[in-house]
Amino acid sequence: MSDSVAQPAFDGHPVLPDIGRPVMAKADVRNPDIDWNVRIGRAIQRAVLMVWESNKLAAADLDVDDAEFGKWLNGTRRPQFDRLFAWEPLREPLVAQLAKLGGADVQLLIVFRRPA
């Protein structure tokens, strides 16, 4: 019986095909997707109008400057979703409007519970 383990034959590292010089992928992060920001702003606007009569009232209740709130709605500034979700009457309409952006079919379900 042998005192050592036999080593498998090793021909070297596998050779990858030559595909040319590698090129770095580029992404322009300075220019955000404006269309998506506008769509989010419109969804927020629809949810706001379900709760308040005007953007001015909404901005006051959310404790946001009118100009800043307007930028959220027109897509030029990223909205503060933590502030939007903190206002309970806005939470459900906002979730529904954002779900519609993703193509979801939003339905209202009403369940009547009778006292026992």
N, C-alpha and C. Protein backbone atom coordinates (compact mmCIF):
# COMPACT_ATOMS: atom_id res chain seq x y z
N MET A 1 0.83 -1.16 0.00
CA MET A 1 0.00 0.00 0.00
C MET A 1 0.89 1.23 0.00
N SER A 2 0.42 2.26 -0.72
CA SER A 2 1.21 3.48 -0.88
C SER A 2 0.97 4.43 0.28
N ASP A 3 1.99 5.20 0.65
CA ASP A 3 1.88 6.16 1.73
C ASP A 3 1.37 7.52 1.26
N SER A 4 1.16 7.74 -0.01
CA SER A 4 0.72 9.04 -0.52
C SER A 4 -0.49 8.88 -1.43
N VAL A 5 -1.18 10.00 -1.59
CA VAL A 5 -2.35 10.02 -2.46
C VAL A 5 -1.90 10.46 -3.84
N ALA A 6 -2.38 9.81 -4.85
CA ALA A 6 -1.99 10.16 -6.22
C ALA A 6 -2.57 11.51 -6.60
N GLN A 7 -1.77 12.36 -7.21
CA GLN A 7 -2.19 13.68 -7.66
C GLN A 7 -2.77 13.57 -9.07
N PRO A 8 -3.94 14.21 -9.31
CA PRO A 8 -4.49 14.18 -10.67
C PRO A 8 -3.62 15.00 -11.61
N ALA A 9 -3.67 14.64 -12.85
CA ALA A 9 -2.90 15.38 -13.85
C ALA A 9 -3.48 16.78 -14.00
N PHE A 10 -2.63 17.82 -14.04
CA PHE A 10 -3.08 19.20 -14.13
C PHE A 10 -2.42 19.83 -15.35
N ASP A 11 -3.23 20.27 -16.30
CA ASP A 11 -2.69 20.84 -17.53
C ASP A 11 -2.58 22.36 -17.47
N GLY A 12 -2.91 22.98 -16.37
CA GLY A 12 -2.85 24.43 -16.27
C GLY A 12 -4.24 25.02 -16.16
N HIS A 13 -4.31 26.31 -16.16
CA HIS A 13 -5.60 27.02 -16.05
C HIS A 13 -6.37 26.93 -17.36
N PRO A 14 -7.69 26.89 -17.26
CA PRO A 14 -8.48 26.87 -18.50
C PRO A 14 -8.29 28.19 -19.24
N VAL A 15 -8.27 28.11 -20.54
CA VAL A 15 -8.07 29.30 -21.36
C VAL A 15 -9.43 29.82 -21.80
N LEU A 16 -9.67 31.10 -21.50
CA LEU A 16 -10.92 31.73 -21.91
C LEU A 16 -10.75 32.26 -23.32
N PRO A 17 -11.83 32.30 -24.08
CA PRO A 17 -11.71 32.82 -25.44
C PRO A 17 -11.34 34.30 -25.43
N ASP A 18 -10.59 34.72 -26.39
CA ASP A 18 -10.18 36.12 -26.50
C ASP A 18 -11.34 36.89 -27.13
N ILE A 19 -11.93 37.78 -26.34
CA ILE A 19 -13.08 38.53 -26.84
C ILE A 19 -12.72 39.99 -27.05
N GLY A 20 -11.49 40.30 -27.05
CA GLY A 20 -11.08 41.68 -27.27
C GLY A 20 -10.84 42.40 -25.96
N ARG A 21 -10.57 43.66 -26.09
CA ARG A 21 -10.27 44.46 -24.92
C ARG A 21 -11.54 44.72 -24.11
N PRO A 22 -11.50 44.52 -22.79
CA PRO A 22 -12.70 44.77 -21.99
C PRO A 22 -13.05 46.25 -21.96
N VAL A 23 -14.33 46.54 -21.95
CA VAL A 23 -14.81 47.92 -21.95
C VAL A 23 -15.60 48.14 -20.66
N MET A 24 -15.34 49.24 -19.98
CA MET A 24 -16.04 49.57 -18.74
C MET A 24 -17.48 49.99 -19.07
N ALA A 25 -18.42 49.46 -18.30
CA ALA A 25 -19.82 49.86 -18.46
C ALA A 25 -19.99 51.25 -17.89
N LYS A 26 -20.81 52.05 -18.55
CA LYS A 26 -21.01 53.43 -18.11
C LYS A 26 -22.47 53.65 -17.76
N ALA A 27 -22.67 54.38 -16.69
CA ALA A 27 -24.02 54.78 -16.29
C ALA A 27 -23.98 56.25 -15.93
N ASP A 28 -24.94 56.98 -16.42
CA ASP A 28 -24.99 58.41 -16.14
C ASP A 28 -25.92 58.63 -14.96
N VAL A 29 -25.35 58.61 -13.75
CA VAL A 29 -26.17 58.73 -12.54
C VAL A 29 -26.53 60.18 -12.23
N ARG A 30 -25.92 61.11 -12.91
CA ARG A 30 -26.23 62.52 -12.66
C ARG A 30 -27.55 62.93 -13.30
N ASN A 31 -27.98 62.21 -14.31
CA ASN A 31 -29.25 62.50 -14.98
C ASN A 31 -30.27 61.43 -14.62
N PRO A 32 -31.09 61.67 -13.59
CA PRO A 32 -32.06 60.65 -13.19
C PRO A 32 -33.14 60.47 -14.26
N ASP A 33 -33.86 59.40 -14.13
CA ASP A 33 -34.96 59.11 -15.05
C ASP A 33 -36.12 60.05 -14.71
N ILE A 34 -36.18 61.17 -15.43
CA ILE A 34 -37.15 62.22 -15.14
C ILE A 34 -38.58 61.71 -15.33
N ASP A 35 -38.79 60.89 -16.34
CA ASP A 35 -40.14 60.39 -16.60
C ASP A 35 -40.67 59.61 -15.39
N TRP A 36 -39.83 58.81 -14.78
CA TRP A 36 -40.26 58.02 -13.63
C TRP A 36 -40.58 58.94 -12.45
N ASN A 37 -39.75 59.96 -12.24
CA ASN A 37 -40.00 60.91 -11.15
C ASN A 37 -41.32 61.65 -11.36
N VAL A 38 -41.62 61.98 -12.60
CA VAL A 38 -42.88 62.67 -12.91
C VAL A 38 -44.06 61.73 -12.64
N ARG A 39 -43.93 60.48 -13.01
CA ARG A 39 -45.01 59.51 -12.77
C ARG A 39 -45.26 59.32 -11.27
N ILE A 40 -44.19 59.29 -10.48
CA ILE A 40 -44.35 59.18 -9.03
C ILE A 40 -45.03 60.43 -8.49
N GLY A 41 -44.63 61.60 -8.97
CA GLY A 41 -45.25 62.85 -8.54
C GLY A 41 -46.74 62.89 -8.86
N ARG A 42 -47.11 62.39 -10.03
CA ARG A 42 -48.53 62.36 -10.40
C ARG A 42 -49.31 61.40 -9.52
N ALA A 43 -48.68 60.27 -9.15
CA ALA A 43 -49.34 59.32 -8.26
C ALA A 43 -49.57 59.95 -6.88
N ILE A 44 -48.57 60.68 -6.40
CA ILE A 44 -48.72 61.37 -5.12
C ILE A 44 -49.83 62.41 -5.22
N GLN A 45 -49.89 63.13 -6.35
CA GLN A 45 -50.92 64.16 -6.54
C GLN A 45 -52.32 63.55 -6.50
N ARG A 46 -52.50 62.40 -7.17
CA ARG A 46 -53.81 61.75 -7.15
C ARG A 46 -54.19 61.32 -5.73
N ALA A 47 -53.22 60.80 -4.97
CA ALA A 47 -53.50 60.39 -3.59
C ALA A 47 -53.82 61.59 -2.72
N VAL A 48 -53.10 62.68 -2.92
CA VAL A 48 -53.33 63.90 -2.13
C VAL A 48 -54.73 64.44 -2.37
N LEU A 49 -55.17 64.43 -3.62
CA LEU A 49 -56.50 64.96 -3.93
C LEU A 49 -57.63 64.09 -3.39
N MET A 50 -57.31 62.84 -3.03
CA MET A 50 -58.32 61.98 -2.40
C MET A 50 -58.50 62.35 -0.93
N VAL A 51 -57.51 63.02 -0.35
CA VAL A 51 -57.54 63.32 1.08
C VAL A 51 -57.79 64.81 1.34
N TRP A 52 -57.13 65.67 0.57
CA TRP A 52 -57.23 67.11 0.79
C TRP A 52 -57.87 67.81 -0.41
N GLU A 53 -58.33 69.03 -0.17
CA GLU A 53 -58.94 69.82 -1.24
C GLU A 53 -57.89 70.51 -2.10
N SER A 54 -56.72 70.79 -1.52
CA SER A 54 -55.68 71.49 -2.29
C SER A 54 -54.30 71.04 -1.84
N ASN A 55 -53.33 71.34 -2.69
CA ASN A 55 -51.93 71.03 -2.36
C ASN A 55 -51.46 71.86 -1.18
N LYS A 56 -51.98 73.07 -1.06
CA LYS A 56 -51.57 73.95 0.03
C LYS A 56 -51.97 73.37 1.38
N LEU A 57 -53.18 72.85 1.48
CA LEU A 57 -53.62 72.20 2.72
C LEU A 57 -52.79 70.96 3.02
N ALA A 58 -52.49 70.20 1.99
CA ALA A 58 -51.68 68.99 2.16
C ALA A 58 -50.29 69.35 2.67
N ALA A 59 -49.66 70.36 2.07
CA ALA A 59 -48.33 70.78 2.49
C ALA A 59 -48.34 71.26 3.94
N ALA A 60 -49.39 71.97 4.33
CA ALA A 60 -49.48 72.46 5.70
C ALA A 60 -49.62 71.31 6.68
N ASP A 61 -50.48 70.34 6.37
CA ASP A 61 -50.65 69.19 7.27
C ASP A 61 -49.40 68.32 7.34
N LEU A 62 -48.69 68.21 6.23
CA LEU A 62 -47.47 67.41 6.20
C LEU A 62 -46.26 68.17 6.73
N ASP A 63 -46.46 69.45 7.06
CA ASP A 63 -45.39 70.32 7.57
C ASP A 63 -44.23 70.42 6.57
N VAL A 64 -44.61 70.71 5.31
CA VAL A 64 -43.65 70.86 4.22
C VAL A 64 -43.90 72.22 3.57
N ASP A 65 -42.85 72.87 3.14
CA ASP A 65 -42.97 74.13 2.43
C ASP A 65 -43.75 73.92 1.13
N ASP A 66 -44.60 74.87 0.76
CA ASP A 66 -45.41 74.75 -0.46
C ASP A 66 -44.55 74.52 -1.70
N ALA A 67 -43.46 75.27 -1.81
CA ALA A 67 -42.59 75.14 -2.98
C ALA A 67 -41.94 73.76 -3.02
N GLU A 68 -41.50 73.28 -1.88
CA GLU A 68 -40.88 71.95 -1.81
C GLU A 68 -41.89 70.87 -2.18
N PHE A 69 -43.11 71.00 -1.66
CA PHE A 69 -44.16 70.03 -1.96
C PHE A 69 -44.49 70.03 -3.46
N GLY A 70 -44.50 71.21 -4.06
CA GLY A 70 -44.75 71.31 -5.49
C GLY A 70 -43.67 70.61 -6.30
N LYS A 71 -42.43 70.67 -5.84
CA LYS A 71 -41.33 69.98 -6.53
C LYS A 71 -41.48 68.47 -6.42
N TRP A 72 -42.01 67.99 -5.29
CA TRP A 72 -42.28 66.56 -5.18
C TRP A 72 -43.31 66.13 -6.21
N LEU A 73 -44.33 66.98 -6.40
CA LEU A 73 -45.44 66.62 -7.27
C LEU A 73 -45.08 66.71 -8.75
N ASN A 74 -44.20 67.64 -9.12
CA ASN A 74 -43.86 67.76 -10.54
C ASN A 74 -42.63 66.94 -10.93
N GLY A 75 -42.03 66.24 -9.97
CA GLY A 75 -40.95 65.31 -10.28
C GLY A 75 -39.56 65.91 -10.32
N THR A 76 -39.40 67.16 -9.90
CA THR A 76 -38.05 67.75 -9.92
C THR A 76 -37.27 67.47 -8.64
N ARG A 77 -37.94 67.01 -7.61
CA ARG A 77 -37.26 66.66 -6.37
C ARG A 77 -37.82 65.36 -5.85
N ARG A 78 -36.96 64.53 -5.27
CA ARG A 78 -37.40 63.24 -4.74
C ARG A 78 -38.25 63.47 -3.49
N PRO A 79 -39.45 62.88 -3.45
CA PRO A 79 -40.34 63.09 -2.29
C PRO A 79 -39.81 62.36 -1.05
N GLN A 80 -40.17 62.88 0.10
CA GLN A 80 -39.83 62.25 1.37
C GLN A 80 -40.96 61.30 1.74
N PHE A 81 -40.80 60.06 1.35
CA PHE A 81 -41.87 59.09 1.56
C PHE A 81 -42.13 58.82 3.03
N ASP A 82 -41.11 58.95 3.87
CA ASP A 82 -41.35 58.74 5.30
C ASP A 82 -42.32 59.78 5.83
N ARG A 83 -42.23 60.99 5.34
CA ARG A 83 -43.15 62.05 5.76
C ARG A 83 -44.55 61.81 5.18
N LEU A 84 -44.62 61.34 3.94
CA LEU A 84 -45.92 61.06 3.31
C LEU A 84 -46.63 59.90 4.01
N PHE A 85 -45.89 58.84 4.32
CA PHE A 85 -46.50 57.67 4.97
C PHE A 85 -46.82 57.92 6.43
N ALA A 86 -46.20 58.93 7.03
CA ALA A 86 -46.47 59.23 8.44
C ALA A 86 -47.88 59.78 8.64
N TRP A 87 -48.46 60.39 7.60
CA TRP A 87 -49.80 60.95 7.69
C TRP A 87 -50.80 59.84 7.39
N GLU A 88 -51.47 59.32 8.41
CA GLU A 88 -52.30 58.13 8.28
C GLU A 88 -53.40 58.22 7.23
N PRO A 89 -54.14 59.33 7.09
CA PRO A 89 -55.19 59.38 6.07
C PRO A 89 -54.65 59.25 4.64
N LEU A 90 -53.38 59.58 4.44
CA LEU A 90 -52.79 59.52 3.10
C LEU A 90 -52.20 58.15 2.78
N ARG A 91 -51.94 57.35 3.80
CA ARG A 91 -51.22 56.10 3.61
C ARG A 91 -51.88 55.16 2.61
N GLU A 92 -53.14 54.85 2.81
CA GLU A 92 -53.82 53.89 1.94
C GLU A 92 -53.99 54.40 0.51
N PRO A 93 -54.44 55.64 0.28
CA PRO A 93 -54.52 56.13 -1.09
C PRO A 93 -53.17 56.18 -1.79
N LEU A 94 -52.12 56.51 -1.04
CA LEU A 94 -50.79 56.58 -1.64
C LEU A 94 -50.29 55.21 -2.05
N VAL A 95 -50.49 54.21 -1.21
CA VAL A 95 -50.09 52.85 -1.56
C VAL A 95 -50.84 52.38 -2.80
N ALA A 96 -52.12 52.68 -2.87
CA ALA A 96 -52.93 52.27 -4.03
C ALA A 96 -52.42 52.94 -5.30
N GLN A 97 -52.13 54.24 -5.23
CA GLN A 97 -51.67 54.95 -6.43
C GLN A 97 -50.28 54.49 -6.86
N LEU A 98 -49.41 54.21 -5.91
CA LEU A 98 -48.07 53.72 -6.26
C LEU A 98 -48.14 52.30 -6.83
N ALA A 99 -49.07 51.49 -6.33
CA ALA A 99 -49.24 50.14 -6.86
C ALA A 99 -49.71 50.18 -8.31
N LYS A 100 -50.54 51.16 -8.63
CA LYS A 100 -51.00 51.30 -10.01
C LYS A 100 -49.85 51.62 -10.96
N LEU A 101 -48.82 52.30 -10.46
CA LEU A 101 -47.65 52.59 -11.30
C LEU A 101 -46.98 51.32 -11.77
N GLY A 102 -46.98 50.30 -10.91
CA GLY A 102 -46.37 49.03 -11.25
C GLY A 102 -47.26 48.11 -12.05
N GLY A 103 -48.44 48.59 -12.41
CA GLY A 103 -49.35 47.78 -13.21
C GLY A 103 -50.32 46.94 -12.40
N ALA A 104 -50.38 47.17 -11.11
CA ALA A 104 -51.28 46.39 -10.26
C ALA A 104 -52.72 46.83 -10.49
N ASP A 105 -53.62 45.89 -10.35
CA ASP A 105 -55.05 46.16 -10.41
C ASP A 105 -55.53 46.37 -8.98
N VAL A 106 -55.84 47.59 -8.63
CA VAL A 106 -56.23 47.93 -7.27
C VAL A 106 -57.75 47.85 -7.17
N GLN A 107 -58.23 47.07 -6.20
CA GLN A 107 -59.67 46.91 -6.01
C GLN A 107 -60.01 47.23 -4.56
N LEU A 108 -61.20 47.72 -4.36
CA LEU A 108 -61.70 48.02 -3.03
C LEU A 108 -62.58 46.87 -2.58
N LEU A 109 -62.32 46.35 -1.40
CA LEU A 109 -63.10 45.26 -0.84
C LEU A 109 -63.77 45.76 0.42
N ILE A 110 -65.08 45.65 0.45
CA ILE A 110 -65.84 46.07 1.63
C ILE A 110 -66.42 44.82 2.27
N VAL A 111 -66.13 44.64 3.55
CA VAL A 111 -66.63 43.47 4.28
C VAL A 111 -67.51 43.97 5.41
N PHE A 112 -68.77 43.52 5.44
CA PHE A 112 -69.68 43.87 6.50
C PHE A 112 -69.61 42.78 7.57
N ARG A 113 -69.39 43.19 8.80
CA ARG A 113 -69.36 42.25 9.90
C ARG A 113 -70.58 42.50 10.77
N ARG A 114 -71.33 41.49 10.98
CA ARG A 114 -72.54 41.62 11.78
C ARG A 114 -72.23 41.24 13.23
N PRO A 115 -72.75 42.03 14.15
CA PRO A 115 -72.49 41.66 15.56
C PRO A 115 -73.12 40.32 15.89
N ALA A 116 -72.42 39.56 16.69
CA ALA A 116 -72.89 38.22 17.04
C ALA A 116 -73.92 38.23 18.15
